[in-house]
Amino acid sequence: MTSANDNSPTLISLNEACRITSMSRTMLNRYRAEGRFPVAVELGKRRVAFVRAEVTAWIQKKIAARVAA
């Protein structure tokens, strides 16, 4: 089974989340601290990841808010 056919959640790294949102790590971490970004999944003591679908939904919400304004 390829990942394209798999509906299971996919995790992305902090760096990947920064890349797809066009935000710096500092800004993304600030949004996280303020509760304005999807909650991270803790993978280890110093490692987190994000659910790709949640980050994508967050991006879509930002786009929708722009259009509505």
PDB file of N, CA and C in Angstrom:
ATOM      1  N   MET A   1       0.841  -1.172   0.000  1.00  0.00           N
ATOM      2  CA  MET A   1       0.000   0.000   0.000  1.00  0.00           C
ATOM      3  C   MET A   1       0.887   1.235   0.000  1.00  0.00           C
ATOM      4  N   THR A   2       0.590   2.148  -0.891  1.00  0.00           N
ATOM      5  CA  THR A   2       1.363   3.382  -0.942  1.00  0.00           C
ATOM      6  C   THR A   2       0.707   4.439  -0.070  1.00  0.00           C
ATOM      7  N   SER A   3       1.491   5.442   0.299  1.00  0.00           N
ATOM      8  CA  SER A   3       0.954   6.491   1.164  1.00  0.00           C
ATOM      9  C   SER A   3      -0.162   7.275   0.477  1.00  0.00           C
ATOM     10  N   ALA A   4      -0.171   7.321  -0.846  1.00  0.00           N
ATOM     11  CA  ALA A   4      -1.230   8.027  -1.561  1.00  0.00           C
ATOM     12  C   ALA A   4      -2.579   7.334  -1.382  1.00  0.00           C
ATOM     13  N   ASN A   5      -2.565   6.026  -1.148  1.00  0.00           N
ATOM     14  CA  ASN A   5      -3.798   5.262  -0.980  1.00  0.00           C
ATOM     15  C   ASN A   5      -4.131   5.018   0.475  1.00  0.00           C
ATOM     16  N   ASP A   6      -3.308   5.475   1.370  1.00  0.00           N
ATOM     17  CA  ASP A   6      -3.455   5.221   2.792  1.00  0.00           C
ATOM     18  C   ASP A   6      -4.134   6.414   3.448  1.00  0.00           C
ATOM     19  N   ASN A   7      -5.238   6.169   4.153  1.00  0.00           N
ATOM     20  CA  ASN A   7      -5.966   7.249   4.809  1.00  0.00           C
ATOM     21  C   ASN A   7      -5.551   7.465   6.256  1.00  0.00           C
ATOM     22  N   SER A   8      -4.511   6.798   6.707  1.00  0.00           N
ATOM     23  CA  SER A   8      -4.079   6.966   8.086  1.00  0.00           C
ATOM     24  C   SER A   8      -3.383   8.319   8.247  1.00  0.00           C
ATOM     25  N   PRO A   9      -3.440   8.883   9.459  1.00  0.00           N
ATOM     26  CA  PRO A   9      -2.807  10.193   9.691  1.00  0.00           C
ATOM     27  C   PRO A   9      -1.313  10.159   9.387  1.00  0.00           C
ATOM     28  N   THR A  10      -0.834  11.256   8.840  1.00  0.00           N
ATOM     29  CA  THR A  10       0.578  11.402   8.523  1.00  0.00           C
ATOM     30  C   THR A  10       1.157  12.503   9.396  1.00  0.00           C
ATOM     31  N   LEU A  11       2.302  12.234   9.983  1.00  0.00           N
ATOM     32  CA  LEU A  11       2.988  13.232  10.802  1.00  0.00           C
ATOM     33  C   LEU A  11       4.024  13.960   9.971  1.00  0.00           C
ATOM     34  N   ILE A  12       4.160  15.243  10.239  1.00  0.00           N
ATOM     35  CA  ILE A  12       5.198  16.036   9.591  1.00  0.00           C
ATOM     36  C   ILE A  12       6.034  16.715  10.668  1.00  0.00           C
ATOM     37  N   SER A  13       7.274  16.960  10.345  1.00  0.00           N
ATOM     38  CA  SER A  13       8.200  17.573  11.298  1.00  0.00           C
ATOM     39  C   SER A  13       7.895  19.058  11.475  1.00  0.00           C
ATOM     40  N   LEU A  14       8.477  19.629  12.494  1.00  0.00           N
ATOM     41  CA  LEU A  14       8.371  21.067  12.729  1.00  0.00           C
ATOM     42  C   LEU A  14       8.899  21.829  11.518  1.00  0.00           C
ATOM     43  N   ASN A  15      10.019  21.393  10.977  1.00  0.00           N
ATOM     44  CA  ASN A  15      10.587  22.061   9.808  1.00  0.00           C
ATOM     45  C   ASN A  15       9.651  21.975   8.606  1.00  0.00           C
ATOM     46  N   GLU A  16       9.007  20.838   8.409  1.00  0.00           N
ATOM     47  CA  GLU A  16       8.060  20.685   7.308  1.00  0.00           C
ATOM     48  C   GLU A  16       6.845  21.582   7.534  1.00  0.00           C
ATOM     49  N   ALA A  17       6.357  21.668   8.764  1.00  0.00           N
ATOM     50  CA  ALA A  17       5.233  22.557   9.076  1.00  0.00           C
ATOM     51  C   ALA A  17       5.610  24.010   8.780  1.00  0.00           C
ATOM     52  N   CYS A  18       6.819  24.377   9.117  1.00  0.00           N
ATOM     53  CA  CYS A  18       7.296  25.725   8.798  1.00  0.00           C
ATOM     54  C   CYS A  18       7.326  25.942   7.293  1.00  0.00           C
ATOM     55  N   ARG A  19       7.816  24.968   6.574  1.00  0.00           N
ATOM     56  CA  ARG A  19       7.920  25.088   5.121  1.00  0.00           C
ATOM     57  C   ARG A  19       6.551  25.259   4.482  1.00  0.00           C
ATOM     58  N   ILE A  20       5.578  24.426   4.842  1.00  0.00           N
ATOM     59  CA  ILE A  20       4.294  24.481   4.154  1.00  0.00           C
ATOM     60  C   ILE A  20       3.428  25.663   4.602  1.00  0.00           C
ATOM     61  N   THR A  21       3.718  26.243   5.776  1.00  0.00           N
ATOM     62  CA  THR A  21       2.979  27.421   6.224  1.00  0.00           C
ATOM     63  C   THR A  21       3.705  28.716   5.893  1.00  0.00           C
ATOM     64  N   SER A  22       4.940  28.622   5.448  1.00  0.00           N
ATOM     65  CA  SER A  22       5.784  29.788   5.163  1.00  0.00           C
ATOM     66  C   SER A  22       6.050  30.623   6.407  1.00  0.00           C
ATOM     67  N   MET A  23       6.080  29.962   7.564  1.00  0.00           N
ATOM     68  CA  MET A  23       6.389  30.652   8.819  1.00  0.00           C
ATOM     69  C   MET A  23       7.755  30.203   9.327  1.00  0.00           C
ATOM     70  N   SER A  24       8.401  31.095  10.050  1.00  0.00           N
ATOM     71  CA  SER A  24       9.657  30.726  10.703  1.00  0.00           C
ATOM     72  C   SER A  24       9.348  29.831  11.901  1.00  0.00           C
ATOM     73  N   ARG A  25      10.375  29.151  12.391  1.00  0.00           N
ATOM     74  CA  ARG A  25      10.204  28.327  13.595  1.00  0.00           C
ATOM     75  C   ARG A  25       9.766  29.191  14.774  1.00  0.00           C
ATOM     76  N   THR A  26      10.338  30.386  14.871  1.00  0.00           N
ATOM     77  CA  THR A  26       9.995  31.287  15.969  1.00  0.00           C
ATOM     78  C   THR A  26       8.514  31.648  15.925  1.00  0.00           C
ATOM     79  N   MET A  27       8.022  32.018  14.754  1.00  0.00           N
ATOM     80  CA  MET A  27       6.617  32.401  14.627  1.00  0.00           C
ATOM     81  C   MET A  27       5.708  31.197  14.865  1.00  0.00           C
ATOM     82  N   LEU A  28       6.057  30.054  14.320  1.00  0.00           N
ATOM     83  CA  LEU A  28       5.229  28.868  14.514  1.00  0.00           C
ATOM     84  C   LEU A  28       5.181  28.500  15.995  1.00  0.00           C
ATOM     85  N   ASN A  29       6.305  28.548  16.667  1.00  0.00           N
ATOM     86  CA  ASN A  29       6.330  28.236  18.102  1.00  0.00           C
ATOM     87  C   ASN A  29       5.558  29.271  18.918  1.00  0.00           C
ATOM     88  N   ARG A  30       5.578  30.517  18.488  1.00  0.00           N
ATOM     89  CA  ARG A  30       4.776  31.545  19.163  1.00  0.00           C
ATOM     90  C   ARG A  30       3.284  31.235  18.995  1.00  0.00           C
ATOM     91  N   TYR A  31       2.873  30.882  17.783  1.00  0.00           N
ATOM     92  CA  TYR A  31       1.484  30.495  17.544  1.00  0.00           C
ATOM     93  C   TYR A  31       1.106  29.285  18.386  1.00  0.00           C
ATOM     94  N   ARG A  32       2.001  28.322  18.490  1.00  0.00           N
ATOM     95  CA  ARG A  32       1.738  27.145  19.330  1.00  0.00           C
ATOM     96  C   ARG A  32       1.526  27.554  20.780  1.00  0.00           C
ATOM     97  N   ALA A  33       2.394  28.416  21.300  1.00  0.00           N
ATOM     98  CA  ALA A  33       2.313  28.849  22.694  1.00  0.00           C
ATOM     99  C   ALA A  33       1.015  29.612  22.966  1.00  0.00           C
ATOM    100  N   GLU A  34       0.517  30.306  21.952  1.00  0.00           N
ATOM    101  CA  GLU A  34      -0.711  31.081  22.089  1.00  0.00           C
ATOM    102  C   GLU A  34      -1.965  30.253  21.787  1.00  0.00           C
ATOM    103  N   GLY A  35      -1.784  28.983  21.406  1.00  0.00           N
ATOM    104  CA  GLY A  35      -2.915  28.126  21.076  1.00  0.00           C
ATOM    105  C   GLY A  35      -3.526  28.434  19.724  1.00  0.00           C
ATOM    106  N   ARG A  36      -2.750  29.043  18.847  1.00  0.00           N
ATOM    107  CA  ARG A  36      -3.241  29.450  17.524  1.00  0.00           C
ATOM    108  C   ARG A  36      -2.789  28.516  16.402  1.00  0.00           C
ATOM    109  N   PHE A  37      -2.218  27.380  16.756  1.00  0.00           N
ATOM    110  CA  PHE A  37      -1.728  26.414  15.771  1.00  0.00           C
ATOM    111  C   PHE A  37      -2.080  25.022  16.279  1.00  0.00           C
ATOM    112  N   PRO A  38      -2.257  24.056  15.389  1.00  0.00           N
ATOM    113  CA  PRO A  38      -2.593  22.703  15.836  1.00  0.00           C
ATOM    114  C   PRO A  38      -1.591  22.170  16.870  1.00  0.00           C
ATOM    115  N   VAL A  39      -2.114  21.401  17.800  1.00  0.00           N
ATOM    116  CA  VAL A  39      -1.295  20.841  18.882  1.00  0.00           C
ATOM    117  C   VAL A  39      -0.326  19.808  18.320  1.00  0.00           C
ATOM    118  N   ALA A  40       0.907  19.866  18.794  1.00  0.00           N
ATOM    119  CA  ALA A  40       1.943  18.934  18.344  1.00  0.00           C
ATOM    120  C   ALA A  40       1.780  17.568  19.000  1.00  0.00           C
ATOM    121  N   VAL A  41       2.284  16.570  18.316  1.00  0.00           N
ATOM    122  CA  VAL A  41       2.371  15.209  18.855  1.00  0.00           C
ATOM    123  C   VAL A  41       3.791  15.050  19.376  1.00  0.00           C
ATOM    124  N   GLU A  42       3.940  14.766  20.656  1.00  0.00           N
ATOM    125  CA  GLU A  42       5.277  14.591  21.222  1.00  0.00           C
ATOM    126  C   GLU A  42       5.809  13.209  20.844  1.00  0.00           C
ATOM    127  N   LEU A  43       6.963  13.193  20.196  1.00  0.00           N
ATOM    128  CA  LEU A  43       7.582  11.941  19.780  1.00  0.00           C
ATOM    129  C   LEU A  43       8.709  11.528  20.707  1.00  0.00           C
ATOM    130  N   GLY A  44       9.228  12.463  21.420  1.00  0.00           N
ATOM    131  CA  GLY A  44      10.330  12.213  22.345  1.00  0.00           C
ATOM    132  C   GLY A  44      10.529  13.441  23.204  1.00  0.00           C
ATOM    133  N   LYS A  45      11.583  13.417  23.972  1.00  0.00           N
ATOM    134  CA  LYS A  45      11.850  14.509  24.898  1.00  0.00           C
ATOM    135  C   LYS A  45      12.021  15.858  24.181  1.00  0.00           C
ATOM    136  N   ARG A  46      12.654  15.846  23.016  1.00  0.00           N
ATOM    137  CA  ARG A  46      12.909  17.086  22.283  1.00  0.00           C
ATOM    138  C   ARG A  46      12.451  17.013  20.834  1.00  0.00           C
ATOM    139  N   ARG A  47      11.480  16.155  20.572  1.00  0.00           N
ATOM    140  CA  ARG A  47      11.028  15.972  19.184  1.00  0.00           C
ATOM    141  C   ARG A  47       9.509  16.009  19.122  1.00  0.00           C
ATOM    142  N   VAL A  48       8.981  16.861  18.243  1.00  0.00           N
ATOM    143  CA  VAL A  48       7.538  16.930  18.037  1.00  0.00           C
ATOM    144  C   VAL A  48       7.241  16.812  16.545  1.00  0.00           C
ATOM    145  N   ALA A  49       5.997  16.489  16.257  1.00  0.00           N
ATOM    146  CA  ALA A  49       5.520  16.445  14.878  1.00  0.00           C
ATOM    147  C   ALA A  49       4.085  16.942  14.886  1.00  0.00           C
ATOM    148  N   PHE A  50       3.554  17.163  13.708  1.00  0.00           N
ATOM    149  CA  PHE A  50       2.188  17.639  13.567  1.00  0.00           C
ATOM    150  C   PHE A  50       1.440  16.719  12.620  1.00  0.00           C
ATOM    151  N   VAL A  51       0.129  16.620  12.828  1.00  0.00           N
ATOM    152  CA  VAL A  51      -0.707  15.832  11.925  1.00  0.00           C
ATOM    153  C   VAL A  51      -0.898  16.678  10.662  1.00  0.00           C
ATOM    154  N   ARG A  52      -0.461  16.131   9.537  1.00  0.00           N
ATOM    155  CA  ARG A  52      -0.500  16.878   8.273  1.00  0.00           C
ATOM    156  C   ARG A  52      -1.902  17.421   7.986  1.00  0.00           C
ATOM    157  N   ALA A  53      -2.936  16.616   8.173  1.00  0.00           N
ATOM    158  CA  ALA A  53      -4.304  17.043   7.878  1.00  0.00           C
ATOM    159  C   ALA A  53      -4.718  18.229   8.740  1.00  0.00           C
ATOM    160  N   GLU A  54      -4.269  18.277   9.993  1.00  0.00           N
ATOM    161  CA  GLU A  54      -4.602  19.394  10.875  1.00  0.00           C
ATOM    162  C   GLU A  54      -3.912  20.675  10.424  1.00  0.00           C
ATOM    163  N   VAL A  55      -2.667  20.560   9.984  1.00  0.00           N
ATOM    164  CA  VAL A  55      -1.940  21.738   9.498  1.00  0.00           C
ATOM    165  C   VAL A  55      -2.577  22.223   8.195  1.00  0.00           C
ATOM    166  N   THR A  56      -2.933  21.303   7.321  1.00  0.00           N
ATOM    167  CA  THR A  56      -3.589  21.659   6.068  1.00  0.00           C
ATOM    168  C   THR A  56      -4.933  22.347   6.343  1.00  0.00           C
ATOM    169  N   ALA A  57      -5.696  21.829   7.306  1.00  0.00           N
ATOM    170  CA  ALA A  57      -6.978  22.446   7.671  1.00  0.00           C
ATOM    171  C   ALA A  57      -6.752  23.848   8.235  1.00  0.00           C
ATOM    172  N   TRP A  58      -5.698  24.023   9.018  1.00  0.00           N
ATOM    173  CA  TRP A  58      -5.364  25.333   9.579  1.00  0.00           C
ATOM    174  C   TRP A  58      -5.069  26.321   8.443  1.00  0.00           C
ATOM    175  N   ILE A  59      -4.315  25.884   7.441  1.00  0.00           N
ATOM    176  CA  ILE A  59      -3.997  26.727   6.283  1.00  0.00           C
ATOM    177  C   ILE A  59      -5.291  27.100   5.553  1.00  0.00           C
ATOM    178  N   GLN A  60      -6.156  26.120   5.322  1.00  0.00           N
ATOM    179  CA  GLN A  60      -7.421  26.382   4.628  1.00  0.00           C
ATOM    180  C   GLN A  60      -8.282  27.376   5.403  1.00  0.00           C
ATOM    181  N   LYS A  61      -8.274  27.269   6.721  1.00  0.00           N
ATOM    182  CA  LYS A  61      -9.029  28.193   7.566  1.00  0.00           C
ATOM    183  C   LYS A  61      -8.490  29.617   7.415  1.00  0.00           C
ATOM    184  N   LYS A  62      -7.175  29.745   7.359  1.00  0.00           N
ATOM    185  CA  LYS A  62      -6.556  31.070   7.159  1.00  0.00           C
ATOM    186  C   LYS A  62      -6.950  31.651   5.813  1.00  0.00           C
ATOM    187  N   ILE A  63      -6.960  30.826   4.787  1.00  0.00           N
ATOM    188  CA  ILE A  63      -7.349  31.283   3.444  1.00  0.00           C
ATOM    189  C   ILE A  63      -8.810  31.703   3.440  1.00  0.00           C
ATOM    190  N   ALA A  64      -9.658  30.901   4.055  1.00  0.00           N
ATOM    191  CA  ALA A  64     -11.087  31.218   4.121  1.00  0.00           C
ATOM    192  C   ALA A  64     -11.337  32.517   4.867  1.00  0.00           C
ATOM    193  N   ALA A  65     -10.594  32.765   5.941  1.00  0.00           N
ATOM    194  CA  ALA A  65     -10.747  33.989   6.714  1.00  0.00           C
ATOM    195  C   ALA A  65     -10.352  35.203   5.874  1.00  0.00           C
ATOM    196  N   ARG A  66      -9.381  35.031   5.045  1.00  0.00           N
ATOM    197  CA  ARG A  66      -8.933  36.114   4.167  1.00  0.00           C
ATOM    198  C   ARG A  66     -10.018  36.459   3.165  1.00  0.00           C
ATOM    199  N   VAL A  67     -10.626  35.455   2.584  1.00  0.00           N
ATOM    200  CA  VAL A  67     -11.673  35.659   1.577  1.00  0.00           C
ATOM    201  C   VAL A  67     -12.908  36.285   2.213  1.00  0.00           C
ATOM    202  N   ALA A  68     -13.226  35.888   3.448  1.00  0.00           N
ATOM    203  CA  ALA A  68     -14.421  36.373   4.135  1.00  0.00           C
ATOM    204  C   ALA A  68     -14.272  37.819   4.610  1.00  0.00           C
ATOM    205  N   ALA A  69     -13.038  38.252   4.787  1.00  0.00           N
ATOM    206  CA  ALA A  69     -12.813  39.588   5.348  1.00  0.00           C
ATOM    207  C   ALA A  69     -13.000  40.696   4.360  1.00  0.00           C
TER     208      ALA A  69
END
